[in-house]
């Protein structure tokens, strides 16, 4: 059984920063075989892609609205992926999920096999 557990969410003022973490575990789960992505679901909206990183950290993609403000990274030795969020805006308020996709990166949530429960981020203006 694969588990993804997000942490690091909270309440922050606009312009502030947060760092989200996602820890992956599972007996047969080879973290290095998976691209890891961050998605979010704002109140009343569909889940949307935020960022993704490939297994070797040499390929990343971001949605336009976070480009230049958010940075995704991973530590394969720890089976963890991170999302550094700077210059936060009220529109970043959402429940943030990490997902694992076997192989190449993708922005499509349906291509991800495993999901965490999410960590909430609230940005006050």
PDB file of N, CA and C in Angstrom:
ATOM      1  N   UNK A   1       0.847  -1.193   0.000  1.00  0.00           N
ATOM      2  CA  UNK A   1       0.000   0.000   0.000  1.00  0.00           C
ATOM      3  C   UNK A   1       0.879   1.238   0.000  1.00  0.00           C
ATOM      4  N   UNK A   2       0.607   2.153  -0.923  1.00  0.00           N
ATOM      5  CA  UNK A   2       1.373   3.389  -1.026  1.00  0.00           C
ATOM      6  C   UNK A   2       0.666   4.481  -0.247  1.00  0.00           C
ATOM      7  N   UNK A   3       1.442   5.207   0.510  1.00  0.00           N
ATOM      8  CA  UNK A   3       0.898   6.340   1.271  1.00  0.00           C
ATOM      9  C   UNK A   3       1.633   7.607   0.912  1.00  0.00           C
ATOM     10  N   UNK A   4       0.884   8.659   0.681  1.00  0.00           N
ATOM     11  CA  UNK A   4       1.439   9.994   0.501  1.00  0.00           C
ATOM     12  C   UNK A   4       0.842  10.874   1.589  1.00  0.00           C
ATOM     13  N   UNK A   5       1.697  11.528   2.346  1.00  0.00           N
ATOM     14  CA  UNK A   5       1.228  12.349   3.453  1.00  0.00           C
ATOM     15  C   UNK A   5       1.787  13.756   3.298  1.00  0.00           C
ATOM     16  N   UNK A   6       0.873  14.708   3.105  1.00  0.00           N
ATOM     17  CA  UNK A   6       1.278  16.109   2.970  1.00  0.00           C
ATOM     18  C   UNK A   6       1.319  16.784   4.330  1.00  0.00           C
ATOM     19  N   UNK A   7       2.159  17.806   4.423  1.00  0.00           N
ATOM     20  CA  UNK A   7       2.242  18.623   5.630  1.00  0.00           C
ATOM     21  C   UNK A   7       2.753  20.003   5.259  1.00  0.00           C
ATOM     22  N   UNK A   8       2.632  20.924   6.208  1.00  0.00           N
ATOM     23  CA  UNK A   8       3.195  22.252   5.999  1.00  0.00           C
ATOM     24  C   UNK A   8       2.189  23.334   5.670  1.00  0.00           C
ATOM     25  N   UNK A   9       0.938  22.967   5.466  1.00  0.00           N
ATOM     26  CA  UNK A   9      -0.066  23.971   5.171  1.00  0.00           C
ATOM     27  C   UNK A   9      -0.383  24.820   6.391  1.00  0.00           C
ATOM     28  N   UNK A  10      -1.126  25.888   6.171  1.00  0.00           N
ATOM     29  CA  UNK A  10      -1.506  26.756   7.285  1.00  0.00           C
ATOM     30  C   UNK A  10      -2.066  28.065   6.808  1.00  0.00           C
ATOM     31  N   UNK A  11      -2.153  28.993   7.733  1.00  0.00           N
ATOM     32  CA  UNK A  11      -2.675  30.333   7.463  1.00  0.00           C
ATOM     33  C   UNK A  11      -1.500  31.289   7.329  1.00  0.00           C
ATOM     34  N   UNK A  12      -1.497  32.065   6.259  1.00  0.00           N
ATOM     35  CA  UNK A  12      -0.395  33.006   6.025  1.00  0.00           C
ATOM     36  C   UNK A  12      -0.970  34.273   5.403  1.00  0.00           C
ATOM     37  N   UNK A  13      -0.321  35.382   5.659  1.00  0.00           N
ATOM     38  CA  UNK A  13      -0.762  36.644   5.064  1.00  0.00           C
ATOM     39  C   UNK A  13      -0.297  36.732   3.612  1.00  0.00           C
ATOM     40  N   UNK A  14      -1.020  37.488   2.831  1.00  0.00           N
ATOM     41  CA  UNK A  14      -0.627  37.718   1.445  1.00  0.00           C
ATOM     42  C   UNK A  14       0.799  38.262   1.404  1.00  0.00           C
ATOM     43  N   UNK A  15       1.572  37.732   0.465  1.00  0.00           N
ATOM     44  CA  UNK A  15       2.975  38.112   0.357  1.00  0.00           C
ATOM     45  C   UNK A  15       3.912  37.206   1.128  1.00  0.00           C
ATOM     46  N   UNK A  16       3.343  36.359   1.968  1.00  0.00           N
ATOM     47  CA  UNK A  16       4.145  35.466   2.782  1.00  0.00           C
ATOM     48  C   UNK A  16       4.540  34.194   2.057  1.00  0.00           C
ATOM     49  N   UNK A  17       5.152  33.284   2.812  1.00  0.00           N
ATOM     50  CA  UNK A  17       5.686  32.041   2.236  1.00  0.00           C
ATOM     51  C   UNK A  17       5.282  30.837   3.070  1.00  0.00           C
ATOM     52  N   UNK A  18       5.208  29.714   2.401  1.00  0.00           N
ATOM     53  CA  UNK A  18       4.999  28.419   3.051  1.00  0.00           C
ATOM     54  C   UNK A  18       5.779  27.368   2.289  1.00  0.00           C
ATOM     55  N   UNK A  19       6.156  26.317   3.001  1.00  0.00           N
ATOM     56  CA  UNK A  19       6.816  25.183   2.354  1.00  0.00           C
ATOM     57  C   UNK A  19       6.024  23.922   2.649  1.00  0.00           C
ATOM     58  N   UNK A  20       5.486  23.334   1.613  1.00  0.00           N
ATOM     59  CA  UNK A  20       4.747  22.093   1.760  1.00  0.00           C
ATOM     60  C   UNK A  20       5.679  20.905   1.556  1.00  0.00           C
ATOM     61  N   UNK A  21       5.395  19.841   2.282  1.00  0.00           N
ATOM     62  CA  UNK A  21       6.155  18.601   2.137  1.00  0.00           C
ATOM     63  C   UNK A  21       5.190  17.466   1.870  1.00  0.00           C
ATOM     64  N   UNK A  22       5.693  16.459   1.186  1.00  0.00           N
ATOM     65  CA  UNK A  22       4.909  15.249   0.933  1.00  0.00           C
ATOM     66  C   UNK A  22       5.842  14.068   1.108  1.00  0.00           C
ATOM     67  N   UNK A  23       5.507  13.203   2.058  1.00  0.00           N
ATOM     68  CA  UNK A  23       6.322  12.014   2.327  1.00  0.00           C
ATOM     69  C   UNK A  23       5.652  10.791   1.736  1.00  0.00           C
ATOM     70  N   UNK A  24       6.412  10.035   0.970  1.00  0.00           N
ATOM     71  CA  UNK A  24       5.882   8.839   0.310  1.00  0.00           C
ATOM     72  C   UNK A  24       6.420   7.589   0.977  1.00  0.00           C
ATOM     73  N   UNK A  25       5.573   6.605   1.118  1.00  0.00           N
ATOM     74  CA  UNK A  25       5.998   5.333   1.698  1.00  0.00           C
ATOM     75  C   UNK A  25       5.184   4.203   1.086  1.00  0.00           C
ATOM     76  N   UNK A  26       5.743   3.007   1.218  1.00  0.00           N
ATOM     77  CA  UNK A  26       5.063   1.840   0.676  1.00  0.00           C
ATOM     78  C   UNK A  26       6.081   0.755   0.403  1.00  0.00           C
ATOM     79  N   UNK A  27       5.734  -0.428   0.761  1.00  0.00           N
ATOM     80  CA  UNK A  27       6.688  -1.529   0.689  1.00  0.00           C
ATOM     81  C   UNK A  27       7.228  -1.757  -0.702  1.00  0.00           C
ATOM     82  N   UNK A  28       6.369  -1.653  -1.707  1.00  0.00           N
ATOM     83  CA  UNK A  28       6.792  -1.930  -3.074  1.00  0.00           C
ATOM     84  C   UNK A  28       6.883  -0.653  -3.914  1.00  0.00           C
ATOM     85  N   UNK A  29       6.908   0.462  -3.244  1.00  0.00           N
ATOM     86  CA  UNK A  29       6.900   1.746  -3.937  1.00  0.00           C
ATOM     87  C   UNK A  29       8.324   2.221  -4.144  1.00  0.00           C
ATOM     88  N   UNK A  30       8.727   2.304  -5.425  1.00  0.00           N
ATOM     89  CA  UNK A  30      10.042   2.809  -5.766  1.00  0.00           C
ATOM     90  C   UNK A  30       9.898   4.272  -6.165  1.00  0.00           C
ATOM     91  N   UNK A  31      10.188   5.141  -5.231  1.00  0.00           N
ATOM     92  CA  UNK A  31       9.978   6.583  -5.401  1.00  0.00           C
ATOM     93  C   UNK A  31      10.652   7.104  -6.655  1.00  0.00           C
ATOM     94  N   UNK A  32      11.804   6.577  -6.983  1.00  0.00           N
ATOM     95  CA  UNK A  32      12.565   7.071  -8.123  1.00  0.00           C
ATOM     96  C   UNK A  32      11.892   6.752  -9.465  1.00  0.00           C
ATOM     97  N   UNK A  33      10.906   5.890  -9.476  1.00  0.00           N
ATOM     98  CA  UNK A  33      10.221   5.554 -10.709  1.00  0.00           C
ATOM     99  C   UNK A  33       9.037   6.477 -10.992  1.00  0.00           C
ATOM    100  N   UNK A  34       8.788   7.389 -10.068  1.00  0.00           N
ATOM    101  CA  UNK A  34       7.592   8.215 -10.161  1.00  0.00           C
ATOM    102  C   UNK A  34       7.905   9.693 -10.311  1.00  0.00           C
ATOM    103  N   UNK A  35       7.171  10.321 -11.220  1.00  0.00           N
ATOM    104  CA  UNK A  35       7.098  11.774 -11.220  1.00  0.00           C
ATOM    105  C   UNK A  35       6.160  12.169 -10.086  1.00  0.00           C
ATOM    106  N   UNK A  36       6.461  13.280  -9.455  1.00  0.00           N
ATOM    107  CA  UNK A  36       5.651  13.748  -8.327  1.00  0.00           C
ATOM    108  C   UNK A  36       5.062  15.116  -8.651  1.00  0.00           C
ATOM    109  N   UNK A  37       3.775  15.244  -8.394  1.00  0.00           N
ATOM    110  CA  UNK A  37       3.103  16.492  -8.725  1.00  0.00           C
ATOM    111  C   UNK A  37       2.371  17.076  -7.536  1.00  0.00           C
ATOM    112  N   UNK A  38       2.152  18.362  -7.610  1.00  0.00           N
ATOM    113  CA  UNK A  38       1.298  19.084  -6.651  1.00  0.00           C
ATOM    114  C   UNK A  38       0.087  19.610  -7.412  1.00  0.00           C
ATOM    115  N   UNK A  39      -1.067  19.402  -6.843  1.00  0.00           N
ATOM    116  CA  UNK A  39      -2.320  19.906  -7.366  1.00  0.00           C
ATOM    117  C   UNK A  39      -3.026  20.645  -6.230  1.00  0.00           C
ATOM    118  N   UNK A  40      -4.042  21.404  -6.573  1.00  0.00           N
ATOM    119  CA  UNK A  40      -4.802  22.095  -5.527  1.00  0.00           C
ATOM    120  C   UNK A  40      -6.267  22.182  -5.924  1.00  0.00           C
ATOM    121  N   UNK A  41      -7.095  22.287  -4.901  1.00  0.00           N
ATOM    122  CA  UNK A  41      -8.523  22.466  -5.137  1.00  0.00           C
ATOM    123  C   UNK A  41      -8.998  23.622  -4.257  1.00  0.00           C
ATOM    124  N   UNK A  42      -9.341  24.705  -4.929  1.00  0.00           N
ATOM    125  CA  UNK A  42      -9.860  25.879  -4.227  1.00  0.00           C
ATOM    126  C   UNK A  42     -11.333  25.655  -3.915  1.00  0.00           C
ATOM    127  N   UNK A  43     -11.860  26.353  -2.922  1.00  0.00           N
ATOM    128  CA  UNK A  43     -13.280  26.193  -2.569  1.00  0.00           C
ATOM    129  C   UNK A  43     -14.184  26.413  -3.760  1.00  0.00           C
ATOM    130  N   UNK A  44     -15.042  25.442  -4.040  1.00  0.00           N
ATOM    131  CA  UNK A  44     -15.992  25.571  -5.124  1.00  0.00           C
ATOM    132  C   UNK A  44     -15.431  25.350  -6.510  1.00  0.00           C
ATOM    133  N   UNK A  45     -14.164  24.902  -6.591  1.00  0.00           N
ATOM    134  CA  UNK A  45     -13.539  24.709  -7.896  1.00  0.00           C
ATOM    135  C   UNK A  45     -13.036  23.279  -8.064  1.00  0.00           C
ATOM    136  N   UNK A  46     -12.678  22.957  -9.306  1.00  0.00           N
ATOM    137  CA  UNK A  46     -12.108  21.646  -9.601  1.00  0.00           C
ATOM    138  C   UNK A  46     -10.643  21.607  -9.166  1.00  0.00           C
ATOM    139  N   UNK A  47     -10.145  20.396  -8.993  1.00  0.00           N
ATOM    140  CA  UNK A  47      -8.722  20.242  -8.702  1.00  0.00           C
ATOM    141  C   UNK A  47      -7.916  20.676  -9.925  1.00  0.00           C
ATOM    142  N   UNK A  48      -6.837  21.425  -9.680  1.00  0.00           N
ATOM    143  CA  UNK A  48      -6.026  21.912 -10.794  1.00  0.00           C
ATOM    144  C   UNK A  48      -4.553  21.608 -10.566  1.00  0.00           C
ATOM    145  N   UNK A  49      -3.847  21.483 -11.664  1.00  0.00           N
ATOM    146  CA  UNK A  49      -2.418  21.235 -11.622  1.00  0.00           C
ATOM    147  C   UNK A  49      -1.677  22.463 -11.113  1.00  0.00           C
ATOM    148  N   UNK A  50      -0.637  22.228 -10.306  1.00  0.00           N
ATOM    149  CA  UNK A  50       0.208  23.317  -9.815  1.00  0.00           C
ATOM    150  C   UNK A  50       1.642  23.153 -10.314  1.00  0.00           C
ATOM    151  N   UNK A  51       2.246  21.990 -10.028  1.00  0.00           N
ATOM    152  CA  UNK A  51       3.652  21.787 -10.396  1.00  0.00           C
ATOM    153  C   UNK A  51       3.948  20.292 -10.443  1.00  0.00           C
ATOM    154  N   UNK A  52       4.974  19.934 -11.209  1.00  0.00           N
ATOM    155  CA  UNK A  52       5.383  18.540 -11.284  1.00  0.00           C
ATOM    156  C   UNK A  52       6.890  18.484 -11.475  1.00  0.00           C
ATOM    157  N   UNK A  53       7.484  17.402 -10.984  1.00  0.00           N
ATOM    158  CA  UNK A  53       8.926  17.199 -11.105  1.00  0.00           C
ATOM    159  C   UNK A  53       9.188  15.748 -11.499  1.00  0.00           C
ATOM    160  N   UNK A  54      10.169  15.552 -12.364  1.00  0.00           N
ATOM    161  CA  UNK A  54      10.466  14.172 -12.756  1.00  0.00           C
ATOM    162  C   UNK A  54      11.373  13.517 -11.725  1.00  0.00           C
ATOM    163  N   UNK A  55      11.686  12.246 -11.939  1.00  0.00           N
ATOM    164  CA  UNK A  55      12.382  11.476 -10.918  1.00  0.00           C
ATOM    165  C   UNK A  55      13.771  12.023 -10.616  1.00  0.00           C
ATOM    166  N   UNK A  56      14.435  12.580 -11.645  1.00  0.00           N
ATOM    167  CA  UNK A  56      15.816  13.032 -11.480  1.00  0.00           C
ATOM    168  C   UNK A  56      15.931  14.522 -11.205  1.00  0.00           C
ATOM    169  N   UNK A  57      14.800  15.196 -11.062  1.00  0.00           N
ATOM    170  CA  UNK A  57      14.759  16.629 -10.748  1.00  0.00           C
ATOM    171  C   UNK A  57      15.287  17.532 -11.855  1.00  0.00           C
ATOM    172  N   UNK A  58      15.468  17.017 -13.056  1.00  0.00           N
ATOM    173  CA  UNK A  58      15.954  17.882 -14.132  1.00  0.00           C
ATOM    174  C   UNK A  58      14.838  18.332 -15.059  1.00  0.00           C
ATOM    175  N   UNK A  59      13.615  18.027 -14.709  1.00  0.00           N
ATOM    176  CA  UNK A  59      12.478  18.512 -15.491  1.00  0.00           C
ATOM    177  C   UNK A  59      11.356  18.906 -14.539  1.00  0.00           C
ATOM    178  N   UNK A  60      10.925  20.146 -14.636  1.00  0.00           N
ATOM    179  CA  UNK A  60       9.818  20.644 -13.827  1.00  0.00           C
ATOM    180  C   UNK A  60       8.863  21.420 -14.714  1.00  0.00           C
ATOM    181  N   UNK A  61       7.612  21.452 -14.297  1.00  0.00           N
ATOM    182  CA  UNK A  61       6.611  22.253 -14.992  1.00  0.00           C
ATOM    183  C   UNK A  61       5.734  22.909 -13.955  1.00  0.00           C
ATOM    184  N   UNK A  62       5.237  24.108 -14.292  1.00  0.00           N
ATOM    185  CA  UNK A  62       4.380  24.864 -13.392  1.00  0.00           C
ATOM    186  C   UNK A  62       3.185  25.411 -14.162  1.00  0.00           C
ATOM    187  N   UNK A  63       2.085  25.558 -13.446  1.00  0.00           N
ATOM    188  CA  UNK A  63       0.994  26.286 -14.045  1.00  0.00           C
ATOM    189  C   UNK A  63       1.384  27.759 -14.103  1.00  0.00           C
ATOM    190  N   UNK A  64       0.838  28.482 -15.071  1.00  0.00           N
ATOM    191  CA  UNK A  64       1.271  29.855 -15.304  1.00  0.00           C
ATOM    192  C   UNK A  64       1.105  30.750 -14.074  1.00  0.00           C
ATOM    193  N   UNK A  65       0.062  30.513 -13.316  1.00  0.00           N
ATOM    194  CA  UNK A  65      -0.247  31.423 -12.208  1.00  0.00           C
ATOM    195  C   UNK A  65       0.755  31.338 -11.053  1.00  0.00           C
ATOM    196  N   UNK A  66       1.560  30.277 -11.010  1.00  0.00           N
ATOM    197  CA  UNK A  66       2.525  30.143  -9.911  1.00  0.00           C
ATOM    198  C   UNK A  66       3.965  30.246 -10.406  1.00  0.00           C
ATOM    199  N   UNK A  67       4.143  30.290 -11.706  1.00  0.00           N
ATOM    200  CA  UNK A  67       5.488  30.375 -12.283  1.00  0.00           C
ATOM    201  C   UNK A  67       6.250  31.562 -11.698  1.00  0.00           C
ATOM    202  N   UNK A  68       7.450  31.290 -11.214  1.00  0.00           N
ATOM    203  CA  UNK A  68       8.263  32.353 -10.631  1.00  0.00           C
ATOM    204  C   UNK A  68       8.016  32.582  -9.154  1.00  0.00           C
ATOM    205  N   UNK A  69       6.950  32.011  -8.619  1.00  0.00           N
ATOM    206  CA  UNK A  69       6.656  32.172  -7.182  1.00  0.00           C
ATOM    207  C   UNK A  69       6.807  30.855  -6.437  1.00  0.00           C
ATOM    208  N   UNK A  70       6.489  29.753  -7.085  1.00  0.00           N
ATOM    209  CA  UNK A  70       6.553  28.428  -6.454  1.00  0.00           C
ATOM    210  C   UNK A  70       7.727  27.645  -7.031  1.00  0.00           C
ATOM    211  N   UNK A  71       8.320  26.802  -6.192  1.00  0.00           N
ATOM    212  CA  UNK A  71       9.402  25.926  -6.633  1.00  0.00           C
ATOM    213  C   UNK A  71       9.153  24.519  -6.110  1.00  0.00           C
ATOM    214  N   UNK A  72       9.160  23.556  -7.016  1.00  0.00           N
ATOM    215  CA  UNK A  72       9.012  22.164  -6.623  1.00  0.00           C
ATOM    216  C   UNK A  72      10.390  21.514  -6.583  1.00  0.00           C
ATOM    217  N   UNK A  73      10.595  20.646  -5.602  1.00  0.00           N
ATOM    218  CA  UNK A  73      11.858  19.921  -5.482  1.00  0.00           C
ATOM    219  C   UNK A  73      11.579  18.567  -4.839  1.00  0.00           C
ATOM    220  N   UNK A  74      12.569  17.698  -4.873  1.00  0.00           N
ATOM    221  CA  UNK A  74      12.393  16.383  -4.266  1.00  0.00           C
ATOM    222  C   UNK A  74      13.714  15.892  -3.709  1.00  0.00           C
ATOM    223  N   UNK A  75      13.609  14.988  -2.741  1.00  0.00           N
ATOM    224  CA  UNK A  75      14.770  14.345  -2.144  1.00  0.00           C
ATOM    225  C   UNK A  75      14.521  12.846  -2.237  1.00  0.00           C
ATOM    226  N   UNK A  76      15.159  12.200  -3.189  1.00  0.00           N
ATOM    227  CA  UNK A  76      14.914  10.768  -3.411  1.00  0.00           C
ATOM    228  C   UNK A  76      15.442   9.906  -2.268  1.00  0.00           C
ATOM    229  N   UNK A  77      16.417  10.405  -1.536  1.00  0.00           N
ATOM    230  CA  UNK A  77      16.930   9.646  -0.395  1.00  0.00           C
ATOM    231  C   UNK A  77      15.907   9.598   0.738  1.00  0.00           C
ATOM    232  N   UNK A  78      15.063  10.610   0.811  1.00  0.00           N
ATOM    233  CA  UNK A  78      14.061  10.684   1.881  1.00  0.00           C
ATOM    234  C   UNK A  78      12.663  10.325   1.394  1.00  0.00           C
ATOM    235  N   UNK A  79      12.506  10.076   0.091  1.00  0.00           N
ATOM    236  CA  UNK A  79      11.179   9.827  -0.489  1.00  0.00           C
ATOM    237  C   UNK A  79      10.222  10.987  -0.210  1.00  0.00           C
ATOM    238  N   UNK A  80      10.723  12.190  -0.431  1.00  0.00           N
ATOM    239  CA  UNK A  80       9.912  13.365  -0.162  1.00  0.00           C
ATOM    240  C   UNK A  80       9.927  14.325  -1.355  1.00  0.00           C
ATOM    241  N   UNK A  81       8.838  15.041  -1.496  1.00  0.00           N
ATOM    242  CA  UNK A  81       8.735  16.109  -2.478  1.00  0.00           C
ATOM    243  C   UNK A  81       8.242  17.357  -1.766  1.00  0.00           C
ATOM    244  N   UNK A  82       8.674  18.507  -2.249  1.00  0.00           N
ATOM    245  CA  UNK A  82       8.403  19.774  -1.571  1.00  0.00           C
ATOM    246  C   UNK A  82       7.814  20.790  -2.550  1.00  0.00           C
ATOM    247  N   UNK A  83       7.096  21.751  -1.983  1.00  0.00           N
ATOM    248  CA  UNK A  83       6.625  22.886  -2.775  1.00  0.00           C
ATOM    249  C   UNK A  83       6.891  24.142  -1.965  1.00  0.00           C
ATOM    250  N   UNK A  84       7.860  24.895  -2.405  1.00  0.00           N
ATOM    251  CA  UNK A  84       8.171  26.177  -1.777  1.00  0.00           C
ATOM    252  C   UNK A  84       7.293  27.227  -2.426  1.00  0.00           C
ATOM    253  N   UNK A  85       6.498  27.907  -1.611  1.00  0.00           N
ATOM    254  CA  UNK A  85       5.539  28.883  -2.124  1.00  0.00           C
ATOM    255  C   UNK A  85       5.875  30.252  -1.565  1.00  0.00           C
ATOM    256  N   UNK A  86       6.185  31.177  -2.444  1.00  0.00           N
ATOM    257  CA  UNK A  86       6.522  32.546  -2.055  1.00  0.00           C
ATOM    258  C   UNK A  86       5.531  33.532  -2.669  1.00  0.00           C
ATOM    259  N   UNK A  87       5.537  34.736  -2.141  1.00  0.00           N
ATOM    260  CA  UNK A  87       4.650  35.799  -2.652  1.00  0.00           C
ATOM    261  C   UNK A  87       3.220  35.294  -2.779  1.00  0.00           C
ATOM    262  N   UNK A  88       2.751  34.672  -1.733  1.00  0.00           N
ATOM    263  CA  UNK A  88       1.429  34.061  -1.782  1.00  0.00           C
ATOM    264  C   UNK A  88       0.331  35.098  -1.942  1.00  0.00           C
ATOM    265  N   UNK A  89      -0.696  34.703  -2.680  1.00  0.00           N
ATOM    266  CA  UNK A  89      -1.835  35.560  -2.960  1.00  0.00           C
ATOM    267  C   UNK A  89      -3.099  34.880  -2.429  1.00  0.00           C
ATOM    268  N   UNK A  90      -4.132  35.667  -2.264  1.00  0.00           N
ATOM    269  CA  UNK A  90      -5.384  35.101  -1.763  1.00  0.00           C
ATOM    270  C   UNK A  90      -5.913  34.004  -2.694  1.00  0.00           C
ATOM    271  N   UNK A  91      -5.639  34.140  -3.982  1.00  0.00           N
ATOM    272  CA  UNK A  91      -6.122  33.130  -4.935  1.00  0.00           C
ATOM    273  C   UNK A  91      -5.351  31.810  -4.855  1.00  0.00           C
ATOM    274  N   UNK A  92      -4.312  31.764  -4.042  1.00  0.00           N
ATOM    275  CA  UNK A  92      -3.600  30.508  -3.801  1.00  0.00           C
ATOM    276  C   UNK A  92      -4.266  29.675  -2.700  1.00  0.00           C
ATOM    277  N   UNK A  93      -5.267  30.249  -2.062  1.00  0.00           N
ATOM    278  CA  UNK A  93      -5.977  29.521  -1.018  1.00  0.00           C
ATOM    279  C   UNK A  93      -6.626  28.273  -1.596  1.00  0.00           C
ATOM    280  N   UNK A  94      -6.298  27.118  -1.026  1.00  0.00           N
ATOM    281  CA  UNK A  94      -6.792  25.846  -1.561  1.00  0.00           C
ATOM    282  C   UNK A  94      -6.328  24.709  -0.666  1.00  0.00           C
ATOM    283  N   UNK A  95      -6.866  23.543  -0.951  1.00  0.00           N
ATOM    284  CA  UNK A  95      -6.355  22.310  -0.381  1.00  0.00           C
ATOM    285  C   UNK A  95      -5.318  21.766  -1.372  1.00  0.00           C
ATOM    286  N   UNK A  96      -4.097  21.563  -0.886  1.00  0.00           N
ATOM    287  CA  UNK A  96      -3.005  21.147  -1.753  1.00  0.00           C
ATOM    288  C   UNK A  96      -2.737  19.662  -1.587  1.00  0.00           C
ATOM    289  N   UNK A  97      -2.671  18.977  -2.739  1.00  0.00           N
ATOM    290  CA  UNK A  97      -2.459  17.534  -2.766  1.00  0.00           C
ATOM    291  C   UNK A  97      -1.147  17.215  -3.476  1.00  0.00           C
ATOM    292  N   UNK A  98      -0.471  16.177  -3.027  1.00  0.00           N
ATOM    293  CA  UNK A  98       0.612  15.647  -3.839  1.00  0.00           C
ATOM    294  C   UNK A  98       0.141  14.336  -4.454  1.00  0.00           C
ATOM    295  N   UNK A  99       0.663  14.067  -5.638  1.00  0.00           N
ATOM    296  CA  UNK A  99       0.319  12.860  -6.356  1.00  0.00           C
ATOM    297  C   UNK A  99       1.550  12.214  -6.953  1.00  0.00           C
ATOM    298  N   UNK A 100       1.463  10.922  -7.189  1.00  0.00           N
ATOM    299  CA  UNK A 100       2.573  10.170  -7.773  1.00  0.00           C
ATOM    300  C   UNK A 100       2.130   9.543  -9.086  1.00  0.00           C
ATOM    301  N   UNK A 101       2.933   9.765 -10.125  1.00  0.00           N
ATOM    302  CA  UNK A 101       2.637   9.222 -11.443  1.00  0.00           C
ATOM    303  C   UNK A 101       3.841   8.418 -11.930  1.00  0.00           C
ATOM    304  N   UNK A 102       3.609   7.186 -12.315  1.00  0.00           N
ATOM    305  CA  UNK A 102       4.694   6.355 -12.803  1.00  0.00           C
ATOM    306  C   UNK A 102       5.239   6.921 -14.112  1.00  0.00           C
ATOM    307  N   UNK A 103       6.553   7.051 -14.166  1.00  0.00           N
ATOM    308  CA  UNK A 103       7.176   7.472 -15.413  1.00  0.00           C
ATOM    309  C   UNK A 103       7.283   8.969 -15.579  1.00  0.00           C
ATOM    310  N   UNK A 104       6.909   9.448 -16.750  1.00  0.00           N
ATOM    311  CA  UNK A 104       7.133  10.835 -17.120  1.00  0.00           C
ATOM    312  C   UNK A 104       6.170  11.791 -16.412  1.00  0.00           C
ATOM    313  N   UNK A 105       6.532  13.061 -16.457  1.00  0.00           N
ATOM    314  CA  UNK A 105       5.686  14.070 -15.820  1.00  0.00           C
ATOM    315  C   UNK A 105       4.387  14.251 -16.594  1.00  0.00           C
ATOM    316  N   UNK A 106       3.392  14.753 -15.917  1.00  0.00           N
ATOM    317  CA  UNK A 106       2.101  15.039 -16.529  1.00  0.00           C
ATOM    318  C   UNK A 106       1.393  16.122 -15.733  1.00  0.00           C
ATOM    319  N   UNK A 107       0.570  16.895 -16.429  1.00  0.00           N
ATOM    320  CA  UNK A 107      -0.262  17.891 -15.755  1.00  0.00           C
ATOM    321  C   UNK A 107      -1.682  17.376 -15.553  1.00  0.00           C
ATOM    322  N   UNK A 108      -1.965  16.162 -16.006  1.00  0.00           N
ATOM    323  CA  UNK A 108      -3.309  15.601 -15.965  1.00  0.00           C
ATOM    324  C   UNK A 108      -3.509  14.757 -14.706  1.00  0.00           C
ATOM    325  N   UNK A 109      -4.414  15.152 -13.868  1.00  0.00           N
ATOM    326  CA  UNK A 109      -4.600  14.469 -12.591  1.00  0.00           C
ATOM    327  C   UNK A 109      -5.010  13.010 -12.762  1.00  0.00           C
ATOM    328  N   UNK A 110      -5.743  12.695 -13.830  1.00  0.00           N
ATOM    329  CA  UNK A 110      -6.221  11.314 -14.003  1.00  0.00           C
ATOM    330  C   UNK A 110      -5.092  10.334 -14.310  1.00  0.00           C
ATOM    331  N   UNK A 111      -3.924  10.852 -14.637  1.00  0.00           N
ATOM    332  CA  UNK A 111      -2.789   9.987 -14.920  1.00  0.00           C
ATOM    333  C   UNK A 111      -2.001   9.621 -13.662  1.00  0.00           C
ATOM    334  N   UNK A 112      -2.394  10.171 -12.532  1.00  0.00           N
ATOM    335  CA  UNK A 112      -1.696   9.913 -11.280  1.00  0.00           C
ATOM    336  C   UNK A 112      -2.337   8.736 -10.553  1.00  0.00           C
ATOM    337  N   UNK A 113      -1.490   7.872 -10.029  1.00  0.00           N
ATOM    338  CA  UNK A 113      -1.972   6.647  -9.400  1.00  0.00           C
ATOM    339  C   UNK A 113      -2.241   6.790  -7.917  1.00  0.00           C
ATOM    340  N   UNK A 114      -1.471   7.619  -7.270  1.00  0.00           N
ATOM    341  CA  UNK A 114      -1.561   7.733  -5.818  1.00  0.00           C
ATOM    342  C   UNK A 114      -1.706   9.193  -5.406  1.00  0.00           C
ATOM    343  N   UNK A 115      -2.474   9.400  -4.343  1.00  0.00           N
ATOM    344  CA  UNK A 115      -2.759  10.748  -3.844  1.00  0.00           C
ATOM    345  C   UNK A 115      -2.689  10.784  -2.330  1.00  0.00           C
ATOM    346  N   UNK A 116      -2.296  11.931  -1.823  1.00  0.00           N
ATOM    347  CA  UNK A 116      -2.400  12.179  -0.396  1.00  0.00           C
ATOM    348  C   UNK A 116      -3.754  12.759  -0.055  1.00  0.00           C
ATOM    349  N   UNK A 117      -3.948  13.034   1.217  1.00  0.00           N
ATOM    350  CA  UNK A 117      -5.232  13.565   1.700  1.00  0.00           C
ATOM    351  C   UNK A 117      -5.305  15.088   1.579  1.00  0.00           C
ATOM    352  N   UNK A 118      -4.171  15.706   1.379  1.00  0.00           N
ATOM    353  CA  UNK A 118      -4.157  17.151   1.204  1.00  0.00           C
ATOM    354  C   UNK A 118      -3.789  17.907   2.465  1.00  0.00           C
ATOM    355  N   UNK A 119      -3.249  19.087   2.267  1.00  0.00           N
ATOM    356  CA  UNK A 119      -2.947  20.002   3.368  1.00  0.00           C
ATOM    357  C   UNK A 119      -3.500  21.369   2.991  1.00  0.00           C
ATOM    358  N   UNK A 120      -4.225  22.024   3.899  1.00  0.00           N
ATOM    359  CA  UNK A 120      -4.884  23.285   3.545  1.00  0.00           C
ATOM    360  C   UNK A 120      -3.954  24.483   3.634  1.00  0.00           C
ATOM    361  N   UNK A 121      -4.094  25.348   2.670  1.00  0.00           N
ATOM    362  CA  UNK A 121      -3.370  26.613   2.653  1.00  0.00           C
ATOM    363  C   UNK A 121      -4.396  27.736   2.557  1.00  0.00           C
ATOM    364  N   UNK A 122      -4.319  28.654   3.494  1.00  0.00           N
ATOM    365  CA  UNK A 122      -5.210  29.809   3.497  1.00  0.00           C
ATOM    366  C   UNK A 122      -4.367  31.076   3.493  1.00  0.00           C
ATOM    367  N   UNK A 123      -4.593  31.910   2.502  1.00  0.00           N
ATOM    368  CA  UNK A 123      -3.851  33.158   2.376  1.00  0.00           C
ATOM    369  C   UNK A 123      -4.812  34.307   2.638  1.00  0.00           C
ATOM    370  N   UNK A 124      -4.523  35.060   3.669  1.00  0.00           N
ATOM    371  CA  UNK A 124      -5.395  36.178   4.026  1.00  0.00           C
ATOM    372  C   UNK A 124      -4.874  37.466   3.391  1.00  0.00           C
ATOM    373  N   UNK A 125      -5.804  38.256   2.899  1.00  0.00           N
ATOM    374  CA  UNK A 125      -5.400  39.509   2.223  1.00  0.00           C
ATOM    375  C   UNK A 125      -5.524  40.702   3.155  1.00  0.00           C
TER     376      UNK A 125
END
